Protein backbone atom coordinates (compact mmCIF):
# COMPACT_ATOMS: atom_id res chain seq x y z
CA UNK A 1 123.86 141.57 204.07
CA UNK A 2 125.01 143.50 200.99
CA UNK A 3 128.66 142.49 201.50
CA UNK A 4 127.65 138.82 201.62
CA UNK A 5 125.50 139.19 198.50
CA UNK A 6 128.33 140.97 196.66
CA UNK A 7 130.71 138.13 197.53
CA UNK A 8 128.14 135.61 196.27
CA UNK A 9 127.68 137.55 193.02
CA UNK A 10 131.44 137.69 192.46
CA UNK A 11 131.68 133.94 193.01
CA UNK A 12 128.84 132.95 190.69
CA UNK A 13 127.60 135.21 187.87
CA UNK A 14 124.82 132.74 187.06
CA UNK A 15 123.18 132.74 190.48
CA UNK A 16 119.75 134.13 191.30
CA UNK A 17 121.19 137.49 192.34
CA UNK A 18 123.36 138.15 189.28
CA UNK A 19 121.19 136.61 186.57
CA UNK A 20 118.59 139.40 186.35
CA UNK A 21 121.34 142.03 186.12
CA UNK A 22 123.12 140.18 183.30
CA UNK A 23 119.79 139.94 181.46
CA UNK A 24 119.12 143.66 182.02
CA UNK A 25 122.59 144.48 180.70
CA UNK A 26 121.90 142.49 177.52
CA UNK A 27 118.57 144.30 177.06
CA UNK A 28 120.16 147.73 177.53
CA UNK A 29 122.94 146.79 175.06
CA UNK A 30 120.29 146.35 172.36
CA UNK A 31 119.56 150.08 172.55
CA UNK A 32 122.80 151.84 173.53
CA UNK A 33 126.54 151.20 173.49
CA UNK A 34 127.66 150.30 176.99
CA UNK A 35 130.94 151.80 178.10
CA UNK A 36 130.96 150.26 181.58
CA UNK A 37 128.48 148.64 183.96
CA UNK A 38 128.37 147.94 187.69
CA UNK A 39 126.03 146.20 190.09
CA UNK A 40 125.89 148.54 193.08
CA UNK A 41 124.21 148.19 196.50
CA UNK A 42 122.33 151.50 196.25
CA UNK A 43 121.71 154.26 193.67
CA UNK A 44 124.78 156.19 192.52
CA UNK A 45 122.85 159.06 190.96
CA UNK A 46 120.12 161.40 192.10
CA UNK A 47 118.13 160.89 188.88
CA UNK A 48 114.90 160.08 190.74
CA UNK A 49 113.56 158.44 193.86
CA UNK A 50 114.62 154.93 192.97
CA UNK A 51 112.39 151.92 193.42
CA UNK A 52 114.07 149.64 195.95
CA UNK A 53 116.56 152.37 196.84
CA UNK A 54 118.12 150.23 199.57
CA UNK A 55 118.72 147.27 197.27
CA UNK A 56 120.95 146.38 194.33
CA UNK A 57 121.01 148.52 191.17
CA UNK A 58 122.57 148.20 187.74
CA UNK A 59 124.54 151.33 186.84
CA UNK A 60 125.22 151.60 183.11
CA UNK A 61 127.64 154.15 181.67
CA UNK A 62 127.38 155.04 177.98
CA UNK A 63 128.85 157.49 175.51
CA UNK A 64 125.53 157.52 173.64
CA UNK A 65 123.16 160.44 174.10
CA UNK A 66 120.48 159.54 176.64
CA UNK A 67 117.44 161.27 175.21
CA UNK A 68 114.01 160.92 176.80
CA UNK A 69 112.98 158.60 173.95
CA UNK A 70 116.05 156.40 174.51
CA UNK A 71 115.34 156.17 178.24
CA UNK A 72 111.71 155.27 177.59
CA UNK A 73 112.66 152.61 175.04
CA UNK A 74 115.09 151.02 177.49
CA UNK A 75 112.59 151.13 180.37
CA UNK A 76 109.89 149.56 178.17
CA UNK A 77 112.21 146.78 177.02
CA UNK A 78 113.29 146.10 180.59
CA UNK A 79 109.68 145.82 181.75
CA UNK A 80 108.65 143.71 178.74
CA UNK A 81 111.63 141.33 178.58
CA UNK A 82 113.63 141.62 181.78
CA UNK A 83 113.22 140.72 185.40
CA UNK A 84 110.41 142.76 186.95
CA UNK A 85 112.36 142.75 190.21
CA UNK A 86 115.06 145.06 188.82
CA UNK A 87 113.46 146.80 185.83
CA UNK A 88 113.02 149.94 187.94
CA UNK A 89 116.55 149.76 189.32
CA UNK A 90 118.65 150.31 186.20
CA UNK A 91 120.49 153.61 186.28
CA UNK A 92 121.49 155.09 182.94
CA UNK A 93 124.49 157.35 183.35
CA UNK A 94 126.40 159.24 180.67
CA UNK A 95 130.04 158.71 179.85
CA UNK A 96 132.56 157.70 182.50
CA UNK A 97 134.61 160.71 181.41
CA UNK A 98 131.84 163.21 182.17
CA UNK A 99 130.50 161.45 185.28
CA UNK A 100 133.52 160.89 187.54
CA UNK A 101 131.59 161.04 190.84
CA UNK A 102 129.04 158.33 190.00
CA UNK A 103 131.86 156.26 188.50
CA UNK A 104 133.89 156.56 191.71
CA UNK A 105 130.86 155.50 193.78
CA UNK A 106 130.26 152.52 191.48
CA UNK A 107 133.91 151.42 191.61
CA UNK A 108 134.07 151.77 195.37
CA UNK A 109 130.86 149.96 196.28
CA UNK A 110 130.01 147.74 193.35
CA UNK A 111 130.92 144.86 191.15
CA UNK A 112 132.03 145.65 187.61
CA UNK A 113 130.28 143.49 185.05
CA UNK A 114 132.19 142.13 182.10
CA UNK A 115 130.71 143.36 178.85
CA UNK A 116 129.82 140.88 176.11
């Protein structure tokens, strides 16, 4: 199922599957600088027990410091302005340089999103 959905997402970034992730990416970009972003079929970090752990996630890599306040601001914006279906499935990861394992998992299993 996930392979089929990934193929569909690659073919049409405006479809029902990809749209909420593109919106979430735009919301996150209002708060932090995004270095790289991937839509992945399952969590790539062990940050917490993820909501919908067996479904698609947005993994966002940033060089910005991810303080507790920054994480809360992003989560609040996602819940207030984004798709409720994925607001709890956005993973905030540090820099690609300091997080090679999550980056490798994202590259292997996911779809890299083009940044605006």
